[in-house]
N, C-alpha and C. Protein backbone atom coordinates (compact mmCIF):
# COMPACT_ATOMS: atom_id res chain seq x y z
N MET A 1 218.09 272.25 121.53
CA MET A 1 218.17 272.03 120.11
C MET A 1 217.28 270.86 119.75
N SER A 2 216.37 271.06 118.88
CA SER A 2 215.43 270.02 118.48
C SER A 2 216.10 269.00 117.56
N GLY A 3 215.76 267.73 117.79
CA GLY A 3 216.28 266.68 116.92
C GLY A 3 217.57 266.04 117.41
N ILE A 4 218.19 266.61 118.44
CA ILE A 4 219.42 266.04 118.98
C ILE A 4 219.04 264.98 120.00
N LEU A 5 219.66 263.82 119.87
CA LEU A 5 219.37 262.72 120.78
C LEU A 5 220.35 262.70 121.94
N LYS A 6 219.82 262.56 123.13
CA LYS A 6 220.66 262.44 124.32
C LYS A 6 220.22 261.20 125.08
N ILE A 7 220.74 260.06 124.65
CA ILE A 7 220.44 258.82 125.34
C ILE A 7 221.74 258.09 125.63
N ASN A 8 221.73 257.31 126.68
CA ASN A 8 222.91 256.56 127.08
C ASN A 8 222.71 255.11 126.66
N ILE A 9 223.52 254.66 125.72
CA ILE A 9 223.45 253.28 125.24
C ILE A 9 224.62 252.53 125.85
N THR A 10 224.33 251.51 126.64
CA THR A 10 225.38 250.80 127.36
C THR A 10 225.96 249.63 126.57
N GLU A 11 225.23 249.15 125.56
CA GLU A 11 225.72 248.03 124.77
C GLU A 11 226.86 248.47 123.85
N SER A 12 227.81 247.58 123.67
CA SER A 12 228.94 247.88 122.78
C SER A 12 228.55 247.63 121.33
N GLU A 13 229.42 248.09 120.45
CA GLU A 13 229.21 247.89 119.01
C GLU A 13 229.11 246.40 118.68
N GLU A 14 229.95 245.59 119.29
CA GLU A 14 229.95 244.15 119.04
C GLU A 14 228.66 243.48 119.51
N VAL A 15 228.19 243.88 120.68
CA VAL A 15 226.94 243.32 121.23
C VAL A 15 225.77 243.68 120.32
N LEU A 16 225.74 244.92 119.84
CA LEU A 16 224.65 245.35 118.96
C LEU A 16 224.69 244.61 117.62
N LYS A 17 225.89 244.33 117.10
CA LYS A 17 225.99 243.55 115.87
C LYS A 17 225.37 242.17 116.05
N LYS A 18 225.70 241.53 117.19
CA LYS A 18 225.15 240.20 117.47
C LYS A 18 223.63 240.27 117.65
N LEU A 19 223.17 241.25 118.39
CA LEU A 19 221.73 241.42 118.58
C LEU A 19 221.01 241.62 117.25
N PHE A 20 221.61 242.41 116.37
CA PHE A 20 221.03 242.67 115.05
C PHE A 20 220.85 241.36 114.29
N LEU A 21 221.87 240.53 114.28
CA LEU A 21 221.81 239.26 113.55
C LEU A 21 220.83 238.27 114.17
N ASP A 22 220.58 238.39 115.47
CA ASP A 22 219.69 237.47 116.17
C ASP A 22 218.21 237.83 116.03
N GLN A 23 217.90 239.02 115.53
CA GLN A 23 216.50 239.46 115.44
C GLN A 23 215.75 238.70 114.36
N LYS A 24 214.50 238.39 114.66
CA LYS A 24 213.66 237.60 113.75
C LYS A 24 212.82 238.46 112.80
N THR A 25 212.49 239.67 113.21
CA THR A 25 211.61 240.51 112.40
C THR A 25 212.34 241.77 111.94
N ALA A 26 211.89 242.33 110.84
CA ALA A 26 212.48 243.55 110.30
C ALA A 26 212.32 244.72 111.28
N LYS A 27 211.20 244.77 111.96
CA LYS A 27 210.94 245.84 112.93
C LYS A 27 211.99 245.83 114.04
N HIS A 28 212.29 244.66 114.56
CA HIS A 28 213.27 244.56 115.63
C HIS A 28 214.69 244.80 115.12
N ARG A 29 214.98 244.34 113.92
CA ARG A 29 216.31 244.60 113.33
C ARG A 29 216.53 246.10 113.16
N GLU A 30 215.49 246.80 112.72
CA GLU A 30 215.60 248.24 112.51
C GLU A 30 215.86 248.97 113.83
N ARG A 31 215.22 248.52 114.88
CA ARG A 31 215.43 249.16 116.19
C ARG A 31 216.86 248.99 116.67
N VAL A 32 217.40 247.79 116.49
CA VAL A 32 218.79 247.56 116.88
C VAL A 32 219.73 248.34 115.96
N GLN A 33 219.37 248.44 114.69
CA GLN A 33 220.19 249.20 113.73
C GLN A 33 220.30 250.66 114.16
N VAL A 34 219.22 251.24 114.63
CA VAL A 34 219.24 252.64 115.07
C VAL A 34 220.21 252.79 116.25
N LEU A 35 220.18 251.86 117.19
CA LEU A 35 221.11 251.91 118.32
C LEU A 35 222.55 251.80 117.82
N TYR A 36 222.77 250.90 116.88
CA TYR A 36 224.11 250.71 116.31
C TYR A 36 224.61 251.99 115.63
N LEU A 37 223.75 252.64 114.87
CA LEU A 37 224.12 253.88 114.20
C LEU A 37 224.50 254.97 115.21
N LEU A 38 223.81 254.99 116.33
CA LEU A 38 224.12 255.97 117.36
C LEU A 38 225.44 255.64 118.06
N VAL A 39 225.64 254.38 118.39
CA VAL A 39 226.87 253.97 119.08
C VAL A 39 228.10 254.21 118.22
N THR A 40 227.99 253.98 116.93
CA THR A 40 229.13 254.14 116.02
C THR A 40 229.25 255.57 115.49
N ASN A 41 228.44 256.48 116.02
CA ASN A 41 228.48 257.91 115.64
C ASN A 41 228.24 258.13 114.16
N GLN A 42 227.44 257.29 113.53
CA GLN A 42 227.08 257.48 112.13
C GLN A 42 225.88 258.41 111.99
N ALA A 43 225.17 258.64 113.10
CA ALA A 43 224.02 259.55 113.10
C ALA A 43 223.98 260.27 114.44
N GLU A 44 223.66 261.56 114.40
CA GLU A 44 223.60 262.34 115.63
C GLU A 44 222.24 262.96 115.88
N THR A 45 221.41 263.05 114.84
CA THR A 45 220.09 263.68 115.00
C THR A 45 218.99 262.72 114.55
N VAL A 46 217.79 263.04 114.95
CA VAL A 46 216.63 262.25 114.55
C VAL A 46 216.48 262.29 113.03
N GLY A 47 216.68 263.44 112.44
CA GLY A 47 216.56 263.59 110.99
C GLY A 47 217.57 262.73 110.24
N HIS A 48 218.79 262.70 110.73
CA HIS A 48 219.82 261.89 110.09
C HIS A 48 219.50 260.40 110.23
N LEU A 49 219.04 259.99 111.40
CA LEU A 49 218.62 258.60 111.60
C LEU A 49 217.50 258.23 110.65
N ALA A 50 216.54 259.11 110.49
CA ALA A 50 215.42 258.86 109.60
C ALA A 50 215.90 258.70 108.16
N ALA A 51 216.82 259.53 107.76
CA ALA A 51 217.35 259.45 106.39
C ALA A 51 218.11 258.14 106.18
N LEU A 52 218.89 257.73 107.16
CA LEU A 52 219.68 256.50 107.03
C LEU A 52 218.81 255.25 107.02
N THR A 53 217.71 255.29 107.74
CA THR A 53 216.84 254.11 107.83
C THR A 53 215.67 254.16 106.87
N GLY A 54 215.52 255.27 106.15
CA GLY A 54 214.43 255.38 105.19
C GLY A 54 213.08 255.63 105.81
N ARG A 55 213.08 256.19 106.99
CA ARG A 55 211.84 256.50 107.69
C ARG A 55 211.55 257.99 107.65
N PRO A 56 210.28 258.37 107.68
CA PRO A 56 209.94 259.80 107.73
C PRO A 56 210.19 260.36 109.14
N VAL A 57 210.53 261.64 109.20
CA VAL A 57 210.69 262.31 110.49
C VAL A 57 209.32 262.72 110.96
N ARG A 58 209.01 262.40 112.19
CA ARG A 58 207.68 262.76 112.73
C ARG A 58 207.78 263.87 113.71
């Protein structure tokens, strides 16, 4: 199935929250945000992640 992500994220929700706040640039914050969205099951597909972060699907 295209667009379904199958990655293993070992960081917890709490660790990702702290990492998000510690980031200095928007680019890095967005990357941590994507991991957070996946860990908290707020997004399951690439398309949904793109919609939540305001990025185009490539």
